[in-house]
N, C-alpha and C. Protein backbone atom coordinates (compact mmCIF):
# COMPACT_ATOMS: atom_id res chain seq x y z
N MET A 1 -6.10 64.44 27.68
CA MET A 1 -5.04 63.64 28.25
C MET A 1 -5.51 62.22 28.54
N SER A 2 -6.79 62.03 28.78
CA SER A 2 -7.29 60.69 29.09
C SER A 2 -7.20 59.76 27.87
N PHE A 3 -7.37 60.28 26.65
CA PHE A 3 -7.24 59.45 25.45
C PHE A 3 -5.81 58.94 25.30
N LEU A 4 -4.83 59.78 25.55
CA LEU A 4 -3.44 59.38 25.47
C LEU A 4 -3.12 58.32 26.53
N ARG A 5 -3.66 58.49 27.72
CA ARG A 5 -3.45 57.52 28.79
C ARG A 5 -4.08 56.16 28.41
N LEU A 6 -5.27 56.17 27.83
CA LEU A 6 -5.93 54.94 27.38
C LEU A 6 -5.11 54.26 26.29
N LEU A 7 -4.57 55.02 25.36
CA LEU A 7 -3.75 54.49 24.29
C LEU A 7 -2.48 53.83 24.84
N ILE A 8 -1.85 54.44 25.82
CA ILE A 8 -0.65 53.87 26.44
C ILE A 8 -0.98 52.58 27.19
N ILE A 9 -2.10 52.55 27.90
CA ILE A 9 -2.50 51.35 28.63
C ILE A 9 -2.77 50.20 27.66
N VAL A 10 -3.47 50.48 26.56
CA VAL A 10 -3.76 49.44 25.56
C VAL A 10 -2.45 48.93 24.96
N ALA A 11 -1.51 49.83 24.66
CA ALA A 11 -0.23 49.41 24.10
C ALA A 11 0.54 48.55 25.09
N LEU A 12 0.52 48.89 26.38
CA LEU A 12 1.21 48.09 27.39
C LEU A 12 0.59 46.70 27.51
N PHE A 13 -0.74 46.62 27.52
CA PHE A 13 -1.39 45.30 27.58
C PHE A 13 -1.04 44.46 26.35
N TYR A 14 -0.98 45.07 25.20
CA TYR A 14 -0.61 44.35 23.99
C TYR A 14 0.82 43.82 24.08
N LEU A 15 1.74 44.63 24.55
CA LEU A 15 3.13 44.19 24.70
C LEU A 15 3.25 43.06 25.72
N ILE A 16 2.54 43.18 26.83
CA ILE A 16 2.56 42.12 27.84
C ILE A 16 1.99 40.83 27.27
N PHE A 17 0.91 40.94 26.50
CA PHE A 17 0.32 39.77 25.85
C PHE A 17 1.31 39.10 24.91
N LYS A 18 2.01 39.88 24.08
CA LYS A 18 2.97 39.32 23.14
C LYS A 18 4.12 38.63 23.86
N VAL A 19 4.60 39.21 24.96
CA VAL A 19 5.70 38.61 25.71
C VAL A 19 5.25 37.30 26.34
N LEU A 20 4.09 37.29 26.96
CA LEU A 20 3.59 36.07 27.58
C LEU A 20 3.32 34.99 26.54
N ARG A 21 2.79 35.37 25.41
CA ARG A 21 2.52 34.41 24.34
C ARG A 21 3.82 33.84 23.79
N GLY A 22 4.84 34.65 23.69
CA GLY A 22 6.14 34.17 23.22
C GLY A 22 6.76 33.17 24.17
N TRP A 23 6.51 33.29 25.45
CA TRP A 23 7.05 32.34 26.42
C TRP A 23 6.30 31.02 26.41
N THR A 24 5.02 31.07 26.08
CA THR A 24 4.20 29.85 26.17
C THR A 24 4.09 29.08 24.86
N THR A 25 4.33 29.71 23.73
CA THR A 25 4.24 29.00 22.45
C THR A 25 5.63 28.86 21.85
N PRO A 26 5.89 27.74 21.17
CA PRO A 26 7.19 27.56 20.56
C PRO A 26 7.39 28.49 19.38
N GLY A 27 8.58 28.95 19.23
CA GLY A 27 8.92 29.83 18.13
C GLY A 27 9.85 29.13 17.16
N PRO A 28 10.43 29.87 16.22
CA PRO A 28 11.35 29.27 15.26
C PRO A 28 12.54 28.62 15.98
N GLY A 29 12.87 27.43 15.55
CA GLY A 29 13.99 26.73 16.15
C GLY A 29 13.62 25.90 17.36
N ARG A 30 12.39 26.04 17.86
CA ARG A 30 11.94 25.24 18.99
C ARG A 30 11.01 24.15 18.49
N THR A 31 10.91 23.09 19.25
CA THR A 31 10.01 22.01 18.84
C THR A 31 8.59 22.34 19.23
N GLY A 32 7.65 21.81 18.49
CA GLY A 32 6.24 22.03 18.77
C GLY A 32 5.46 22.15 17.48
N LEU A 33 4.18 22.26 17.60
CA LEU A 33 3.32 22.35 16.44
C LEU A 33 2.90 23.78 16.19
N GLU A 34 2.76 24.13 14.93
CA GLU A 34 2.18 25.41 14.60
C GLU A 34 0.67 25.29 14.77
N ALA A 35 0.03 26.39 14.98
CA ALA A 35 -1.41 26.37 15.22
C ALA A 35 -2.13 25.76 14.03
N GLY A 36 -2.95 24.74 14.30
CA GLY A 36 -3.77 24.15 13.26
C GLY A 36 -3.08 23.15 12.36
N ARG A 37 -1.83 22.82 12.59
CA ARG A 37 -1.13 21.88 11.73
C ARG A 37 -0.78 20.62 12.51
N ARG A 38 -0.90 19.49 11.84
CA ARG A 38 -0.54 18.21 12.44
C ARG A 38 0.78 17.75 11.84
N PRO A 39 1.57 17.04 12.61
CA PRO A 39 2.82 16.54 12.06
C PRO A 39 2.55 15.41 11.07
N ALA A 40 3.45 15.26 10.11
CA ALA A 40 3.33 14.16 9.16
C ALA A 40 3.68 12.86 9.88
N PRO A 41 3.00 11.78 9.55
CA PRO A 41 3.34 10.49 10.16
C PRO A 41 4.77 10.10 9.80
N PRO A 42 5.43 9.34 10.65
CA PRO A 42 6.80 8.93 10.35
C PRO A 42 6.88 8.19 9.02
N GLY A 43 7.85 8.56 8.23
CA GLY A 43 8.05 7.91 6.93
C GLY A 43 7.20 8.50 5.82
N LYS A 44 6.29 9.40 6.12
CA LYS A 44 5.41 9.97 5.11
C LYS A 44 5.68 11.47 4.92
N ALA A 45 6.80 11.95 5.39
CA ALA A 45 7.08 13.38 5.32
C ALA A 45 7.30 13.83 3.88
N ARG A 46 7.89 12.98 3.06
CA ARG A 46 8.13 13.35 1.67
C ARG A 46 6.90 13.04 0.84
N THR A 47 6.70 13.84 -0.18
CA THR A 47 5.59 13.54 -1.08
C THR A 47 6.04 12.46 -2.06
N GLU A 48 5.12 11.63 -2.44
CA GLU A 48 5.44 10.51 -3.31
C GLU A 48 4.67 10.65 -4.61
N GLU A 49 5.27 10.21 -5.67
CA GLU A 49 4.64 10.29 -6.98
C GLU A 49 3.43 9.38 -7.06
N LEU A 50 2.34 9.91 -7.61
CA LEU A 50 1.13 9.13 -7.83
C LEU A 50 1.19 8.52 -9.22
N VAL A 51 0.74 7.30 -9.33
CA VAL A 51 0.66 6.62 -10.62
C VAL A 51 -0.78 6.21 -10.86
N LYS A 52 -1.12 5.99 -12.13
CA LYS A 52 -2.49 5.65 -12.50
C LYS A 52 -2.57 4.20 -12.93
N ASP A 53 -3.53 3.50 -12.39
CA ASP A 53 -3.77 2.11 -12.77
C ASP A 53 -4.29 2.12 -14.22
N PRO A 54 -3.64 1.38 -15.13
CA PRO A 54 -4.06 1.43 -16.53
C PRO A 54 -5.42 0.78 -16.80
N LEU A 55 -5.92 -0.03 -15.88
CA LEU A 55 -7.21 -0.67 -16.10
C LEU A 55 -8.36 0.16 -15.55
N CYS A 56 -8.31 0.48 -14.26
CA CYS A 56 -9.45 1.16 -13.64
C CYS A 56 -9.28 2.68 -13.52
N GLY A 57 -8.07 3.18 -13.72
CA GLY A 57 -7.84 4.63 -13.72
C GLY A 57 -7.66 5.25 -12.34
N VAL A 58 -7.50 4.44 -11.31
CA VAL A 58 -7.32 4.95 -9.95
C VAL A 58 -5.88 5.44 -9.77
N TYR A 59 -5.72 6.59 -9.12
CA TYR A 59 -4.39 7.10 -8.78
C TYR A 59 -4.02 6.64 -7.37
N PHE A 60 -2.77 6.26 -7.17
CA PHE A 60 -2.29 5.78 -5.87
C PHE A 60 -0.79 6.01 -5.78
N PRO A 61 -0.23 6.02 -4.56
CA PRO A 61 1.23 6.17 -4.41
C PRO A 61 1.96 4.98 -5.03
N ARG A 62 3.03 5.27 -5.71
CA ARG A 62 3.78 4.23 -6.41
C ARG A 62 4.20 3.08 -5.49
N SER A 63 4.58 3.41 -4.25
CA SER A 63 5.06 2.38 -3.33
C SER A 63 3.97 1.41 -2.91
N GLU A 64 2.71 1.78 -3.07
CA GLU A 64 1.60 0.91 -2.68
C GLU A 64 1.07 0.07 -3.84
N GLY A 65 1.63 0.26 -5.04
CA GLY A 65 1.14 -0.45 -6.20
C GLY A 65 1.88 -1.75 -6.46
N LEU A 66 1.32 -2.52 -7.37
CA LEU A 66 1.94 -3.77 -7.83
C LEU A 66 2.57 -3.49 -9.18
N ALA A 67 3.88 -3.69 -9.28
CA ALA A 67 4.60 -3.41 -10.52
C ALA A 67 4.63 -4.67 -11.39
N SER A 68 4.40 -4.47 -12.69
CA SER A 68 4.49 -5.56 -13.66
C SER A 68 5.14 -5.04 -14.92
N MET A 69 6.00 -5.86 -15.53
CA MET A 69 6.65 -5.49 -16.78
C MET A 69 5.75 -5.89 -17.94
N VAL A 70 5.31 -4.92 -18.74
CA VAL A 70 4.43 -5.17 -19.87
C VAL A 70 5.03 -4.48 -21.09
N ASP A 71 5.37 -5.25 -22.10
CA ASP A 71 5.96 -4.73 -23.34
C ASP A 71 7.19 -3.87 -23.07
N GLY A 72 8.02 -4.30 -22.15
CA GLY A 72 9.27 -3.59 -21.88
C GLY A 72 9.15 -2.36 -21.00
N ARG A 73 8.00 -2.10 -20.47
CA ARG A 73 7.85 -0.95 -19.55
C ARG A 73 7.13 -1.41 -18.29
N VAL A 74 7.39 -0.69 -17.21
CA VAL A 74 6.81 -1.06 -15.92
C VAL A 74 5.48 -0.34 -15.75
N LEU A 75 4.45 -1.12 -15.47
CA LEU A 75 3.13 -0.58 -15.17
C LEU A 75 2.80 -0.89 -13.71
N TYR A 76 2.08 0.03 -13.08
CA TYR A 76 1.71 -0.15 -11.67
C TYR A 76 0.20 -0.33 -11.58
N PHE A 77 -0.21 -1.31 -10.78
CA PHE A 77 -1.62 -1.63 -10.62
C PHE A 77 -2.03 -1.45 -9.16
N CYS A 78 -3.30 -1.07 -8.96
CA CYS A 78 -3.78 -0.82 -7.60
C CYS A 78 -4.07 -2.11 -6.84
N SER A 79 -4.32 -3.21 -7.57
CA SER A 79 -4.66 -4.48 -6.90
C SER A 79 -4.27 -5.65 -7.80
N VAL A 80 -4.25 -6.81 -7.20
CA VAL A 80 -3.96 -8.04 -7.95
C VAL A 80 -5.06 -8.28 -8.99
N GLU A 81 -6.31 -7.99 -8.62
CA GLU A 81 -7.43 -8.20 -9.54
C GLU A 81 -7.28 -7.34 -10.80
N CYS A 82 -6.93 -6.05 -10.62
CA CYS A 82 -6.77 -5.17 -11.78
C CYS A 82 -5.61 -5.65 -12.65
N ARG A 83 -4.52 -6.06 -12.02
CA ARG A 83 -3.37 -6.55 -12.78
C ARG A 83 -3.76 -7.79 -13.60
N ASP A 84 -4.43 -8.73 -12.96
CA ASP A 84 -4.80 -9.96 -13.65
C ASP A 84 -5.78 -9.70 -14.79
N LYS A 85 -6.76 -8.83 -14.56
CA LYS A 85 -7.72 -8.50 -15.62
C LYS A 85 -7.03 -7.82 -16.79
N PHE A 86 -6.10 -6.91 -16.51
CA PHE A 86 -5.38 -6.20 -17.56
C PHE A 86 -4.54 -7.18 -18.38
N LEU A 87 -3.79 -8.06 -17.70
CA LEU A 87 -2.95 -9.02 -18.41
C LEU A 87 -3.80 -10.03 -19.19
N GLN A 88 -4.93 -10.42 -18.65
CA GLN A 88 -5.82 -11.35 -19.35
C GLN A 88 -6.40 -10.68 -20.60
N ALA A 89 -6.78 -9.43 -20.50
CA ALA A 89 -7.34 -8.70 -21.66
C ALA A 89 -6.27 -8.54 -22.74
N ARG A 90 -5.02 -8.35 -22.37
CA ARG A 90 -3.95 -8.23 -23.36
C ARG A 90 -3.69 -9.56 -24.06
N ASN A 91 -3.79 -10.65 -23.32
CA ASN A 91 -3.57 -11.97 -23.92
C ASN A 91 -4.69 -12.35 -24.87
N VAL A 92 -5.92 -11.92 -24.58
CA VAL A 92 -7.06 -12.21 -25.45
C VAL A 92 -6.92 -11.43 -26.77
N LYS A 93 -6.46 -10.18 -26.69
CA LYS A 93 -6.32 -9.35 -27.89
C LYS A 93 -5.19 -9.85 -28.77
N ASN A 94 -4.11 -10.38 -28.19
CA ASN A 94 -2.94 -10.82 -28.97
C ASN A 94 -3.15 -12.13 -29.60
């Protein structure tokens, strides 16, 4: 009979723990953070397409790049230096 009593006591402590934890931590529909997760910074919640710089090969978010029209298509560059070097190299070849 003592094993059954121990099992009931352990089950009661577990239930009490779950109830207390439910009161202290936010659940679905409530505000708060999930364990181990940080909120996304404002304005960065959506994922953004990465583009590749045609000169140096660096990938970066499209909104952070410099757009230039080259041969009727838009190319994105990571910096002014890369854009200028790319355009200069194209002018030398042509």
